[in-house]
Amino acid sequence: MTTTEMKTKDEEMRAQVEEALDMIRPALMMDGGDCELLEVADGVVKIRMMGACHGCGIAEMTLQMGIQQILLEYVPDLRGLEAVDLFGNIVYADYIEPPEEE
């Protein structure tokens, strides 16, 4: 795959991710939180939890059971989800193994 093809695929995936995040964003905002999409590269989505979600004790559960589940449903090429803190340090990471080819 050429660099241009990879960039186009990442751009398409970014649009899918934005759409999926828009579905869960109202629930985050009801509790004073939000999430920001920072990057989509090689199927890995990087987000930052914001507002009340930043530093919240159940943010990891929100990531696993909320955001990641929505992304898995609406973004078929998802290979991983990373969440970073305000300084860019990874605070959550989960990578999906691609199915083995037969």
Protein backbone atom coordinates (compact mmCIF):
# COMPACT_ATOMS: atom_id res chain seq x y z
CA MET A 1 0.00 0.00 0.00
CA THR A 2 1.42 3.39 -0.98
CA THR A 3 1.71 6.33 1.41
CA THR A 4 -1.10 8.12 -0.45
CA GLU A 5 -3.38 5.07 -0.16
CA MET A 6 -2.62 4.77 3.57
CA LYS A 7 -3.38 8.47 4.08
CA THR A 8 -6.68 8.16 2.22
CA LYS A 9 -7.64 5.06 4.25
CA ASP A 10 -6.79 6.90 7.50
CA GLU A 11 -8.88 9.90 6.39
CA GLU A 12 -11.86 7.64 5.62
CA MET A 13 -11.47 5.90 8.96
CA ARG A 14 -11.22 9.25 10.75
CA ALA A 15 -14.62 10.23 9.32
CA GLN A 16 -16.10 6.91 10.57
CA VAL A 17 -14.57 7.45 14.01
CA GLU A 18 -15.88 11.03 14.25
CA GLU A 19 -19.36 9.79 13.37
CA ALA A 20 -19.18 7.02 15.98
CA LEU A 21 -17.87 9.39 18.67
CA ASP A 22 -20.73 11.78 17.93
CA MET A 23 -23.09 8.97 18.96
CA ILE A 24 -21.56 8.58 22.42
CA ARG A 25 -20.60 12.22 23.00
CA PRO A 26 -24.04 13.25 24.40
CA ALA A 27 -23.74 10.63 27.16
CA LEU A 28 -20.27 11.91 28.06
CA MET A 29 -21.46 15.51 28.06
CA MET A 30 -24.39 14.70 30.38
CA ASP A 31 -21.78 13.96 33.05
CA GLY A 32 -19.63 16.99 32.18
CA GLY A 33 -17.12 15.12 30.05
CA ASP A 34 -16.12 14.77 26.43
CA CYS A 35 -13.46 13.19 24.24
CA GLU A 36 -11.27 14.63 21.54
CA LEU A 37 -10.09 12.66 18.52
CA LEU A 38 -6.39 13.32 18.15
CA GLU A 39 -5.21 10.89 15.49
CA VAL A 40 -6.06 7.91 13.34
CA ALA A 41 -3.04 6.03 12.00
CA ASP A 42 -2.78 2.45 10.73
CA GLY A 43 -6.16 1.60 12.23
CA VAL A 44 -5.25 2.85 15.71
CA VAL A 45 -7.42 5.62 17.13
CA LYS A 46 -5.91 8.04 19.65
CA ILE A 47 -8.25 10.13 21.81
CA ARG A 48 -8.04 12.39 24.84
CA MET A 49 -10.67 12.30 27.56
CA MET A 50 -11.70 15.82 28.54
CA GLY A 51 -13.73 17.64 31.15
CA ALA A 52 -15.05 15.47 33.95
CA CYS A 53 -13.85 12.35 32.07
CA HIS A 54 -10.21 13.40 32.47
CA GLY A 55 -8.97 11.71 35.61
CA CYS A 56 -12.33 10.14 36.41
CA GLY A 57 -12.15 6.85 38.29
CA ILE A 58 -14.40 5.08 35.79
CA ALA A 59 -12.86 6.59 32.64
CA GLU A 60 -11.31 3.23 31.74
CA MET A 61 -14.72 1.56 31.91
CA THR A 62 -16.14 4.35 29.73
CA LEU A 63 -13.35 3.69 27.23
CA GLN A 64 -13.82 -0.10 27.21
CA MET A 65 -17.57 -0.47 27.49
CA GLY A 66 -18.65 2.71 25.76
CA ILE A 67 -16.24 4.26 23.29
CA GLN A 68 -14.42 1.09 22.22
CA GLN A 69 -17.66 -0.87 21.76
CA ILE A 70 -19.16 1.86 19.58
CA LEU A 71 -15.96 2.06 17.53
CA LEU A 72 -15.84 -1.72 17.07
CA GLU A 73 -19.40 -1.65 15.80
CA TYR A 74 -19.07 1.29 13.38
CA VAL A 75 -15.40 1.19 12.35
CA PRO A 76 -14.67 -2.24 10.87
CA ASP A 77 -10.94 -1.63 10.32
CA LEU A 78 -10.27 -0.59 13.93
CA ARG A 79 -6.98 -2.10 15.14
CA GLY A 80 -6.64 -0.35 18.46
CA LEU A 81 -7.68 2.42 20.81
CA GLU A 82 -5.32 4.62 22.79
CA ALA A 83 -6.25 7.34 25.24
CA VAL A 84 -3.70 9.94 26.28
CA ASP A 85 -3.57 12.43 29.13
CA LEU A 86 -3.04 16.17 28.77
CA PHE A 87 0.71 15.60 28.39
CA GLY A 88 0.37 12.97 25.65
CA ASN A 89 1.16 9.99 27.89
CA ILE A 90 -0.80 6.86 27.04
CA VAL A 91 -3.18 6.10 29.91
CA TYR A 92 -5.20 3.39 28.15
CA ALA A 93 -4.38 1.13 25.23
CA ASP A 94 -6.14 -1.86 23.75
CA TYR A 95 -5.14 -3.42 20.45
CA ILE A 96 -7.28 -5.79 18.43
CA GLU A 97 -5.57 -8.74 16.83
CA PRO A 98 -6.61 -9.20 13.22
CA PRO A 99 -8.27 -12.55 12.50
CA GLU A 100 -5.87 -15.19 11.29
CA GLU A 101 -6.12 -15.97 7.62
CA GLU A 102 -6.80 -19.59 6.74
